[in-house]
Amino acid sequence: MPTGANQQMKPVASLLLLLNFCMYAIVLGIGGWAMNRAIDHGFIIGPGFDLPAHFSPIYFPMGNAATGFFVTFALIAGVVGVASVIVGVNHIRYWNTDSLPSAASAAAIAWTLTLLAMGFACKEIELRIRNSRLRTMEAFLIILSATQLIYIAAIHAASRRT
């Protein structure tokens, strides 16, 4: 894989990895904040307390009915996305066909989970009631669904050129 044409894709893949890492880190930060707020300000359940009539284990005090699903899957996508970046950095270091399958499969899994979280983001946008942090996380996941796909295409394009 280290021919001249293949080396041209290496800086593109590196830039996309850096961009994706930064965006996944921001998604994890905002998602962590939302999860912490939901835990701190959600339903109080304990001895002597009855469950509310419409209790949901993924109730979030901010946002709308889709927020709990959105934040949960955004956190999962963020963690898997950061893991795919770590595998991708290893692929960039070696840049050969032996390191490609692990980088491509990790990136594909991260991309599919990002698409799932993006689907919940779209539902949350449709339901409208949400704060600016959730809007930011929605935007980052929508952008990540495209940049992760471009990264997958870049590493596959480099492997096809010989």
C-alpha atoms as a PDB file:
ATOM      1  CA  MET A   1       0.000   0.000   0.000  1.00  0.00           C
ATOM      2  CA  PRO A   2       2.872   2.542   0.335  1.00  0.00           C
ATOM      3  CA  THR A   3       2.923   3.636  -3.330  1.00  0.00           C
ATOM      4  CA  GLY A   4       2.886   7.330  -4.255  1.00  0.00           C
ATOM      5  CA  ALA A   5      -0.829   7.481  -5.096  1.00  0.00           C
ATOM      6  CA  ASN A   6      -1.712   5.764  -1.828  1.00  0.00           C
ATOM      7  CA  GLN A   7       0.415   8.173   0.186  1.00  0.00           C
ATOM      8  CA  GLN A   8      -1.705  11.064  -1.116  1.00  0.00           C
ATOM      9  CA  MET A   9      -4.695   9.754   0.836  1.00  0.00           C
ATOM     10  CA  LYS A  10      -2.757   9.498   4.104  1.00  0.00           C
ATOM     11  CA  PRO A  11      -2.984  13.235   5.006  1.00  0.00           C
ATOM     12  CA  VAL A  12      -6.699  13.230   4.123  1.00  0.00           C
ATOM     13  CA  ALA A  13      -7.333  10.243   6.378  1.00  0.00           C
ATOM     14  CA  SER A  14      -5.208  11.806   9.137  1.00  0.00           C
ATOM     15  CA  LEU A  15      -7.124  15.084   8.993  1.00  0.00           C
ATOM     16  CA  LEU A  16     -10.457  13.263   9.073  1.00  0.00           C
ATOM     17  CA  LEU A  17      -9.288  11.202  12.054  1.00  0.00           C
ATOM     18  CA  LEU A  18      -8.334  14.353  13.962  1.00  0.00           C
ATOM     19  CA  LEU A  19     -11.619  16.043  13.074  1.00  0.00           C
ATOM     20  CA  ASN A  20     -13.659  12.980  14.038  1.00  0.00           C
ATOM     21  CA  PHE A  21     -11.784  12.612  17.336  1.00  0.00           C
ATOM     22  CA  CYS A  22     -12.500  16.223  18.284  1.00  0.00           C
ATOM     23  CA  MET A  23     -16.174  15.927  17.394  1.00  0.00           C
ATOM     24  CA  TYR A  24     -16.619  12.580  19.172  1.00  0.00           C
ATOM     25  CA  ALA A  25     -14.934  14.091  22.260  1.00  0.00           C
ATOM     26  CA  ILE A  26     -17.397  17.003  22.193  1.00  0.00           C
ATOM     27  CA  VAL A  27     -20.335  14.592  21.777  1.00  0.00           C
ATOM     28  CA  LEU A  28     -19.062  12.609  24.786  1.00  0.00           C
ATOM     29  CA  GLY A  29     -18.705  15.780  26.848  1.00  0.00           C
ATOM     30  CA  ILE A  30     -22.206  17.040  26.113  1.00  0.00           C
ATOM     31  CA  GLY A  31     -23.685  13.546  26.416  1.00  0.00           C
ATOM     32  CA  GLY A  32     -21.958  13.083  29.767  1.00  0.00           C
ATOM     33  CA  TRP A  33     -23.387  16.390  30.956  1.00  0.00           C
ATOM     34  CA  ALA A  34     -26.897  15.368  29.854  1.00  0.00           C
ATOM     35  CA  MET A  35     -26.618  11.952  31.507  1.00  0.00           C
ATOM     36  CA  ASN A  36     -25.319  13.499  34.731  1.00  0.00           C
ATOM     37  CA  ARG A  37     -28.155  16.032  34.752  1.00  0.00           C
ATOM     38  CA  ALA A  38     -30.723  13.291  34.130  1.00  0.00           C
ATOM     39  CA  ILE A  39     -29.339  11.260  37.032  1.00  0.00           C
ATOM     40  CA  ASP A  40     -29.215  14.259  39.378  1.00  0.00           C
ATOM     41  CA  HIS A  41     -32.592  15.764  38.447  1.00  0.00           C
ATOM     42  CA  GLY A  42     -34.625  12.751  37.330  1.00  0.00           C
ATOM     43  CA  PHE A  43     -37.180  10.790  39.302  1.00  0.00           C
ATOM     44  CA  ILE A  44     -36.411  10.104  42.955  1.00  0.00           C
ATOM     45  CA  ILE A  45     -37.077   6.454  43.639  1.00  0.00           C
ATOM     46  CA  GLY A  46     -36.560   4.896  47.027  1.00  0.00           C
ATOM     47  CA  PRO A  47     -38.314   3.477  50.070  1.00  0.00           C
ATOM     48  CA  GLY A  48     -41.665   5.144  50.535  1.00  0.00           C
ATOM     49  CA  PHE A  49     -41.777   6.642  47.028  1.00  0.00           C
ATOM     50  CA  ASP A  50     -44.161   5.376  44.375  1.00  0.00           C
ATOM     51  CA  LEU A  51     -43.188   5.306  40.721  1.00  0.00           C
ATOM     52  CA  PRO A  52     -44.757   8.117  38.689  1.00  0.00           C
ATOM     53  CA  ALA A  53     -47.607   7.107  36.400  1.00  0.00           C
ATOM     54  CA  HIS A  54     -45.573   7.518  33.195  1.00  0.00           C
ATOM     55  CA  PHE A  55     -42.195   6.359  34.508  1.00  0.00           C
ATOM     56  CA  SER A  56     -39.456   5.739  31.968  1.00  0.00           C
ATOM     57  CA  PRO A  57     -35.994   4.503  32.952  1.00  0.00           C
ATOM     58  CA  ILE A  58     -34.474   6.863  30.402  1.00  0.00           C
ATOM     59  CA  TYR A  59     -36.336   9.991  31.470  1.00  0.00           C
ATOM     60  CA  PHE A  60     -34.418  13.227  30.898  1.00  0.00           C
ATOM     61  CA  PRO A  61     -35.618  16.425  32.582  1.00  0.00           C
ATOM     62  CA  MET A  62     -34.531  18.512  29.590  1.00  0.00           C
ATOM     63  CA  GLY A  63     -35.498  17.989  25.975  1.00  0.00           C
ATOM     64  CA  ASN A  64     -38.369  15.867  24.757  1.00  0.00           C
ATOM     65  CA  ALA A  65     -39.460  12.222  24.538  1.00  0.00           C
ATOM     66  CA  ALA A  66     -36.567  11.313  22.210  1.00  0.00           C
ATOM     67  CA  THR A  67     -33.839  12.855  24.389  1.00  0.00           C
ATOM     68  CA  GLY A  68     -33.181   9.778  26.522  1.00  0.00           C
ATOM     69  CA  PHE A  69     -32.690   7.536  23.505  1.00  0.00           C
ATOM     70  CA  PHE A  70     -30.684  10.202  21.696  1.00  0.00           C
ATOM     71  CA  VAL A  71     -28.252  10.807  24.565  1.00  0.00           C
ATOM     72  CA  THR A  72     -27.828   7.091  25.296  1.00  0.00           C
ATOM     73  CA  PHE A  73     -26.996   6.185  21.703  1.00  0.00           C
ATOM     74  CA  ALA A  74     -24.884   9.309  21.230  1.00  0.00           C
ATOM     75  CA  LEU A  75     -22.728   8.234  24.183  1.00  0.00           C
ATOM     76  CA  ILE A  76     -22.369   4.723  22.768  1.00  0.00           C
ATOM     77  CA  ALA A  77     -21.515   6.112  19.318  1.00  0.00           C
ATOM     78  CA  GLY A  78     -19.019   8.519  20.891  1.00  0.00           C
ATOM     79  CA  VAL A  79     -17.168   5.812  22.792  1.00  0.00           C
ATOM     80  CA  VAL A  80     -17.027   3.496  19.779  1.00  0.00           C
ATOM     81  CA  GLY A  81     -16.025   6.460  17.596  1.00  0.00           C
ATOM     82  CA  VAL A  82     -13.071   7.291  19.827  1.00  0.00           C
ATOM     83  CA  ALA A  83     -12.072   3.614  19.790  1.00  0.00           C
ATOM     84  CA  SER A  84     -12.201   3.639  15.979  1.00  0.00           C
ATOM     85  CA  VAL A  85      -9.959   6.716  15.963  1.00  0.00           C
ATOM     86  CA  ILE A  86      -7.415   4.844  18.080  1.00  0.00           C
ATOM     87  CA  VAL A  87      -7.455   1.941  15.618  1.00  0.00           C
ATOM     88  CA  GLY A  88      -7.305   4.453  12.755  1.00  0.00           C
ATOM     89  CA  VAL A  89      -4.177   6.092  14.192  1.00  0.00           C
ATOM     90  CA  ASN A  90      -2.547   2.663  14.202  1.00  0.00           C
ATOM     91  CA  HIS A  91      -3.515   2.241  10.550  1.00  0.00           C
ATOM     92  CA  ILE A  92      -2.087   5.676   9.686  1.00  0.00           C
ATOM     93  CA  ARG A  93       1.183   4.735  11.410  1.00  0.00           C
ATOM     94  CA  TYR A  94       1.667   1.547   9.398  1.00  0.00           C
ATOM     95  CA  TRP A  95      -0.433   2.438   6.324  1.00  0.00           C
ATOM     96  CA  ASN A  96      -0.494  -1.052   4.833  1.00  0.00           C
ATOM     97  CA  THR A  97      -3.081  -3.640   3.896  1.00  0.00           C
ATOM     98  CA  ASP A  98      -2.493  -5.573   7.102  1.00  0.00           C
ATOM     99  CA  SER A  99      -3.795  -2.723   9.278  1.00  0.00           C
ATOM    100  CA  LEU A 100      -6.673  -1.780   6.965  1.00  0.00           C
ATOM    101  CA  PRO A 101      -9.276  -4.425   7.967  1.00  0.00           C
ATOM    102  CA  SER A 102      -9.287  -3.503  11.641  1.00  0.00           C
ATOM    103  CA  ALA A 103      -9.417   0.229  10.890  1.00  0.00           C
ATOM    104  CA  ALA A 104     -12.166  -0.184   8.305  1.00  0.00           C
ATOM    105  CA  SER A 105     -14.324  -2.459  10.454  1.00  0.00           C
ATOM    106  CA  ALA A 106     -13.992  -0.255  13.567  1.00  0.00           C
ATOM    107  CA  ALA A 107     -14.827   2.813  11.483  1.00  0.00           C
ATOM    108  CA  ALA A 108     -17.833   1.067   9.920  1.00  0.00           C
ATOM    109  CA  ILE A 109     -19.202   0.056  13.321  1.00  0.00           C
ATOM    110  CA  ALA A 110     -18.696   3.587  14.653  1.00  0.00           C
ATOM    111  CA  TRP A 111     -20.392   4.995  11.560  1.00  0.00           C
ATOM    112  CA  THR A 112     -23.468   2.754  11.909  1.00  0.00           C
ATOM    113  CA  LEU A 113     -23.840   3.666  15.585  1.00  0.00           C
ATOM    114  CA  THR A 114     -23.428   7.330  14.659  1.00  0.00           C
ATOM    115  CA  LEU A 115     -26.196   6.921  12.078  1.00  0.00           C
ATOM    116  CA  LEU A 116     -28.425   5.372  14.727  1.00  0.00           C
ATOM    117  CA  ALA A 117     -27.785   8.295  17.084  1.00  0.00           C
ATOM    118  CA  MET A 118     -28.346  10.679  14.171  1.00  0.00           C
ATOM    119  CA  GLY A 119     -31.745   9.072  13.603  1.00  0.00           C
ATOM    120  CA  PHE A 120     -32.717   9.865  17.181  1.00  0.00           C
ATOM    121  CA  ALA A 121     -31.310  13.371  16.671  1.00  0.00           C
ATOM    122  CA  CYS A 122     -33.634  13.819  13.705  1.00  0.00           C
ATOM    123  CA  LYS A 123     -36.574  12.652  15.822  1.00  0.00           C
ATOM    124  CA  GLU A 124     -35.573  15.066  18.563  1.00  0.00           C
ATOM    125  CA  ILE A 125     -35.386  17.896  16.027  1.00  0.00           C
ATOM    126  CA  GLU A 126     -38.869  16.963  14.818  1.00  0.00           C
ATOM    127  CA  LEU A 127     -40.277  17.097  18.375  1.00  0.00           C
ATOM    128  CA  ARG A 128     -38.655  20.541  18.842  1.00  0.00           C
ATOM    129  CA  ILE A 129     -38.374  21.100  22.606  1.00  0.00           C
ATOM    130  CA  ARG A 130     -34.639  20.975  23.481  1.00  0.00           C
ATOM    131  CA  ASN A 131     -31.859  23.197  24.759  1.00  0.00           C
ATOM    132  CA  SER A 132     -28.787  24.597  22.991  1.00  0.00           C
ATOM    133  CA  ARG A 133     -26.439  21.851  24.222  1.00  0.00           C
ATOM    134  CA  LEU A 134     -28.659  19.165  22.767  1.00  0.00           C
ATOM    135  CA  ARG A 135     -28.872  21.132  19.505  1.00  0.00           C
ATOM    136  CA  THR A 136     -25.083  21.246  19.415  1.00  0.00           C
ATOM    137  CA  MET A 137     -24.837  17.494  19.952  1.00  0.00           C
ATOM    138  CA  GLU A 138     -27.425  16.916  17.196  1.00  0.00           C
ATOM    139  CA  ALA A 139     -25.392  19.029  14.779  1.00  0.00           C
ATOM    140  CA  PHE A 140     -22.140  17.251  15.627  1.00  0.00           C
ATOM    141  CA  LEU A 141     -23.714  13.818  15.099  1.00  0.00           C
ATOM    142  CA  ILE A 142     -25.161  14.849  11.751  1.00  0.00           C
ATOM    143  CA  ILE A 143     -21.745  16.161  10.665  1.00  0.00           C
ATOM    144  CA  LEU A 144     -20.000  13.061  12.065  1.00  0.00           C
ATOM    145  CA  SER A 145     -22.223  10.776  10.022  1.00  0.00           C
ATOM    146  CA  ALA A 146     -20.774  12.398   6.901  1.00  0.00           C
ATOM    147  CA  THR A 147     -17.136  12.777   7.994  1.00  0.00           C
ATOM    148  CA  GLN A 148     -16.941   9.194   9.258  1.00  0.00           C
ATOM    149  CA  LEU A 149     -18.247   7.948   5.905  1.00  0.00           C
ATOM    150  CA  ILE A 150     -15.696  10.093   4.055  1.00  0.00           C
ATOM    151  CA  TYR A 151     -12.938   8.653   6.269  1.00  0.00           C
ATOM    152  CA  ILE A 152     -14.059   5.109   5.418  1.00  0.00           C
ATOM    153  CA  ALA A 153     -14.064   6.013   1.720  1.00  0.00           C
ATOM    154  CA  ALA A 154     -10.591   7.572   2.009  1.00  0.00           C
ATOM    155  CA  ILE A 155      -8.944   4.530   3.569  1.00  0.00           C
ATOM    156  CA  HIS A 156     -10.661   2.206   1.102  1.00  0.00           C
ATOM    157  CA  ALA A 157      -9.688   4.406  -1.858  1.00  0.00           C
ATOM    158  CA  ALA A 158      -6.053   4.252  -0.785  1.00  0.00           C
ATOM    159  CA  SER A 159      -6.163   0.461  -0.596  1.00  0.00           C
ATOM    160  CA  ARG A 160      -7.624   0.174  -4.105  1.00  0.00           C
ATOM    161  CA  ARG A 161      -4.831   2.157  -5.784  1.00  0.00           C
ATOM    162  CA  THR A 162      -1.814   0.082  -6.670  1.00  0.00           C
END
